[in-house]
Amino acid sequence: MVSDNSKDIEDILKQADDALYRGKAMGRNCIVTVDLDGTVWKST
């Protein structure tokens, strides 16, 4: 999911990269989601 103010593909890819690296930093064997407001949710 991307925010409504994403103007181009570079913004969308940056948001996806940020979410990916947040998940990697939290460890293995989990599911991580990031809300549009930046709230990180982790499920194991």
PDB file of N, CA and C in Angstrom:
ATOM      1  N   MET A   1       0.848  -1.165   0.000  1.00  0.00           N
ATOM      2  CA  MET A   1       0.000   0.000   0.000  1.00  0.00           C
ATOM      3  C   MET A   1       0.895   1.230   0.000  1.00  0.00           C
ATOM      4  N   VAL A   2       0.512   2.211  -0.773  1.00  0.00           N
ATOM      5  CA  VAL A   2       1.292   3.440  -0.858  1.00  0.00           C
ATOM      6  C   VAL A   2       0.409   4.630  -0.516  1.00  0.00           C
ATOM      7  N   SER A   3       1.050   5.701  -0.097  1.00  0.00           N
ATOM      8  CA  SER A   3       0.281   6.883   0.281  1.00  0.00           C
ATOM      9  C   SER A   3      -0.260   7.602  -0.944  1.00  0.00           C
ATOM     10  N   ASP A   4      -1.319   8.362  -0.743  1.00  0.00           N
ATOM     11  CA  ASP A   4      -1.966   9.074  -1.840  1.00  0.00           C
ATOM     12  C   ASP A   4      -1.086  10.154  -2.438  1.00  0.00           C
ATOM     13  N   ASN A   5      -0.098  10.618  -1.709  1.00  0.00           N
ATOM     14  CA  ASN A   5       0.734  11.693  -2.223  1.00  0.00           C
ATOM     15  C   ASN A   5       1.957  11.186  -2.982  1.00  0.00           C
ATOM     16  N   SER A   6       2.011   9.913  -3.300  1.00  0.00           N
ATOM     17  CA  SER A   6       3.102   9.379  -4.115  1.00  0.00           C
ATOM     18  C   SER A   6       2.895   9.850  -5.545  1.00  0.00           C
ATOM     19  N   LYS A   7       3.829  10.629  -6.030  1.00  0.00           N
ATOM     20  CA  LYS A   7       3.647  11.243  -7.333  1.00  0.00           C
ATOM     21  C   LYS A   7       4.221  10.414  -8.474  1.00  0.00           C
ATOM     22  N   ASP A   8       5.192   9.600  -8.202  1.00  0.00           N
ATOM     23  CA  ASP A   8       5.786   8.834  -9.286  1.00  0.00           C
ATOM     24  C   ASP A   8       6.348   7.513  -8.778  1.00  0.00           C
ATOM     25  N   ILE A   9       6.839   6.740  -9.707  1.00  0.00           N
ATOM     26  CA  ILE A   9       7.305   5.386  -9.388  1.00  0.00           C
ATOM     27  C   ILE A   9       8.480   5.404  -8.410  1.00  0.00           C
ATOM     28  N   GLU A  10       9.333   6.424  -8.468  1.00  0.00           N
ATOM     29  CA  GLU A  10      10.461   6.492  -7.543  1.00  0.00           C
ATOM     30  C   GLU A  10       9.990   6.611  -6.096  1.00  0.00           C
ATOM     31  N   ASP A  11       8.932   7.398  -5.866  1.00  0.00           N
ATOM     32  CA  ASP A  11       8.380   7.516  -4.509  1.00  0.00           C
ATOM     33  C   ASP A  11       7.830   6.180  -4.021  1.00  0.00           C
ATOM     34  N   ILE A  12       7.130   5.484  -4.898  1.00  0.00           N
ATOM     35  CA  ILE A  12       6.545   4.193  -4.535  1.00  0.00           C
ATOM     36  C   ILE A  12       7.644   3.186  -4.213  1.00  0.00           C
ATOM     37  N   LEU A  13       8.686   3.146  -5.035  1.00  0.00           N
ATOM     38  CA  LEU A  13       9.794   2.220  -4.791  1.00  0.00           C
ATOM     39  C   LEU A  13      10.532   2.565  -3.501  1.00  0.00           C
ATOM     40  N   LYS A  14      10.707   3.837  -3.200  1.00  0.00           N
ATOM     41  CA  LYS A  14      11.365   4.226  -1.950  1.00  0.00           C
ATOM     42  C   LYS A  14      10.546   3.772  -0.743  1.00  0.00           C
ATOM     43  N   GLN A  15       9.225   3.938  -0.803  1.00  0.00           N
ATOM     44  CA  GLN A  15       8.372   3.485   0.300  1.00  0.00           C
ATOM     45  C   GLN A  15       8.464   1.973   0.467  1.00  0.00           C
ATOM     46  N   ALA A  16       8.509   1.244  -0.640  1.00  0.00           N
ATOM     47  CA  ALA A  16       8.629  -0.215  -0.571  1.00  0.00           C
ATOM     48  C   ALA A  16       9.980  -0.619   0.019  1.00  0.00           C
ATOM     49  N   ASP A  17      11.055   0.048  -0.405  1.00  0.00           N
ATOM     50  CA  ASP A  17      12.381  -0.242   0.143  1.00  0.00           C
ATOM     51  C   ASP A  17      12.434   0.035   1.644  1.00  0.00           C
ATOM     52  N   ASP A  18      11.883   1.163   2.054  1.00  0.00           N
ATOM     53  CA  ASP A  18      11.871   1.497   3.484  1.00  0.00           C
ATOM     54  C   ASP A  18      11.150   0.421   4.289  1.00  0.00           C
ATOM     55  N   ALA A  19      10.000  -0.031   3.794  1.00  0.00           N
ATOM     56  CA  ALA A  19       9.245  -1.076   4.493  1.00  0.00           C
ATOM     57  C   ALA A  19      10.031  -2.386   4.530  1.00  0.00           C
ATOM     58  N   LEU A  20      10.684  -2.730   3.439  1.00  0.00           N
ATOM     59  CA  LEU A  20      11.477  -3.958   3.380  1.00  0.00           C
ATOM     60  C   LEU A  20      12.586  -3.948   4.428  1.00  0.00           C
ATOM     61  N   TYR A  21      13.328  -2.849   4.507  1.00  0.00           N
ATOM     62  CA  TYR A  21      14.447  -2.802   5.438  1.00  0.00           C
ATOM     63  C   TYR A  21      13.992  -2.696   6.890  1.00  0.00           C
ATOM     64  N   ARG A  22      12.834  -2.112   7.133  1.00  0.00           N
ATOM     65  CA  ARG A  22      12.279  -2.143   8.491  1.00  0.00           C
ATOM     66  C   ARG A  22      11.991  -3.580   8.891  1.00  0.00           C
ATOM     67  N   GLY A  23      11.432  -4.341   7.981  1.00  0.00           N
ATOM     68  CA  GLY A  23      11.139  -5.746   8.263  1.00  0.00           C
ATOM     69  C   GLY A  23      12.396  -6.556   8.499  1.00  0.00           C
ATOM     70  N   LYS A  24      13.402  -6.345   7.665  1.00  0.00           N
ATOM     71  CA  LYS A  24      14.660  -7.072   7.834  1.00  0.00           C
ATOM     72  C   LYS A  24      15.305  -6.761   9.179  1.00  0.00           C
ATOM     73  N   ALA A  25      15.203  -5.531   9.624  1.00  0.00           N
ATOM     74  CA  ALA A  25      15.807  -5.135  10.893  1.00  0.00           C
ATOM     75  C   ALA A  25      15.114  -5.799  12.082  1.00  0.00           C
ATOM     76  N   MET A  26      13.869  -6.229  11.899  1.00  0.00           N
ATOM     77  CA  MET A  26      13.111  -6.827  13.002  1.00  0.00           C
ATOM     78  C   MET A  26      13.363  -8.322  13.145  1.00  0.00           C
ATOM     79  N   GLY A  27      14.038  -8.931  12.203  1.00  0.00           N
ATOM     80  CA  GLY A  27      14.393 -10.330  12.357  1.00  0.00           C
ATOM     81  C   GLY A  27      13.705 -11.261  11.386  1.00  0.00           C
ATOM     82  N   ARG A  28      13.994 -12.549  11.555  1.00  0.00           N
ATOM     83  CA  ARG A  28      13.482 -13.575  10.659  1.00  0.00           C
ATOM     84  C   ARG A  28      12.176 -14.157  11.171  1.00  0.00           C
ATOM     85  N   ASN A  29      11.546 -14.932  10.276  1.00  0.00           N
ATOM     86  CA  ASN A  29      10.334 -15.688  10.616  1.00  0.00           C
ATOM     87  C   ASN A  29       9.215 -14.812  11.175  1.00  0.00           C
ATOM     88  N   CYS A  30       8.990 -13.691  10.539  1.00  0.00           N
ATOM     89  CA  CYS A  30       7.901 -12.821  10.963  1.00  0.00           C
ATOM     90  C   CYS A  30       7.306 -12.113   9.750  1.00  0.00           C
ATOM     91  N   ILE A  31       6.130 -11.583   9.945  1.00  0.00           N
ATOM     92  CA  ILE A  31       5.471 -10.780   8.923  1.00  0.00           C
ATOM     93  C   ILE A  31       5.417  -9.359   9.450  1.00  0.00           C
ATOM     94  N   VAL A  32       5.862  -8.421   8.646  1.00  0.00           N
ATOM     95  CA  VAL A  32       5.882  -7.026   9.058  1.00  0.00           C
ATOM     96  C   VAL A  32       5.046  -6.219   8.078  1.00  0.00           C
ATOM     97  N   THR A  33       4.152  -5.386   8.612  1.00  0.00           N
ATOM     98  CA  THR A  33       3.399  -4.457   7.770  1.00  0.00           C
ATOM     99  C   THR A  33       3.639  -3.047   8.293  1.00  0.00           C
ATOM    100  N   VAL A  34       3.597  -2.100   7.388  1.00  0.00           N
ATOM    101  CA  VAL A  34       3.791  -0.703   7.745  1.00  0.00           C
ATOM    102  C   VAL A  34       2.574   0.073   7.266  1.00  0.00           C
ATOM    103  N   ASP A  35       1.897   0.753   8.196  1.00  0.00           N
ATOM    104  CA  ASP A  35       0.754   1.584   7.840  1.00  0.00           C
ATOM    105  C   ASP A  35       1.223   2.850   7.136  1.00  0.00           C
ATOM    106  N   LEU A  36       0.291   3.544   6.512  1.00  0.00           N
ATOM    107  CA  LEU A  36       0.627   4.783   5.815  1.00  0.00           C
ATOM    108  C   LEU A  36       1.195   5.844   6.741  1.00  0.00           C
ATOM    109  N   ASP A  37       0.845   5.790   8.017  1.00  0.00           N
ATOM    110  CA  ASP A  37       1.377   6.768   8.966  1.00  0.00           C
ATOM    111  C   ASP A  37       2.741   6.357   9.519  1.00  0.00           C
ATOM    112  N   GLY A  38       3.266   5.216   9.069  1.00  0.00           N
ATOM    113  CA  GLY A  38       4.579   4.758   9.497  1.00  0.00           C
ATOM    114  C   GLY A  38       4.568   3.788  10.656  1.00  0.00           C
ATOM    115  N   THR A  39       3.402   3.468  11.188  1.00  0.00           N
ATOM    116  CA  THR A  39       3.301   2.504  12.275  1.00  0.00           C
ATOM    117  C   THR A  39       3.708   1.123  11.773  1.00  0.00           C
ATOM    118  N   VAL A  40       4.600   0.474  12.503  1.00  0.00           N
ATOM    119  CA  VAL A  40       5.101  -0.844  12.116  1.00  0.00           C
ATOM    120  C   VAL A  40       4.405  -1.902  12.959  1.00  0.00           C
ATOM    121  N   TRP A  41       3.873  -2.920  12.308  1.00  0.00           N
ATOM    122  CA  TRP A  41       3.205  -4.037  12.980  1.00  0.00           C
ATOM    123  C   TRP A  41       3.983  -5.305  12.672  1.00  0.00           C
ATOM    124  N   LYS A  42       4.274  -6.087  13.699  1.00  0.00           N
ATOM    125  CA  LYS A  42       5.025  -7.328  13.535  1.00  0.00           C
ATOM    126  C   LYS A  42       4.180  -8.491  14.024  1.00  0.00           C
ATOM    127  N   SER A  43       4.169  -9.568  13.237  1.00  0.00           N
ATOM    128  CA  SER A  43       3.460 -10.784  13.610  1.00  0.00           C
ATOM    129  C   SER A  43       4.421 -11.954  13.478  1.00  0.00           C
ATOM    130  N   THR A  44       4.474 -12.812  14.497  1.00  0.00           N
ATOM    131  CA  THR A  44       5.366 -13.976  14.437  1.00  0.00           C
ATOM    132  C   THR A  44       4.579 -15.251  14.344  1.00  0.00           C
TER     133      THR A  44
END
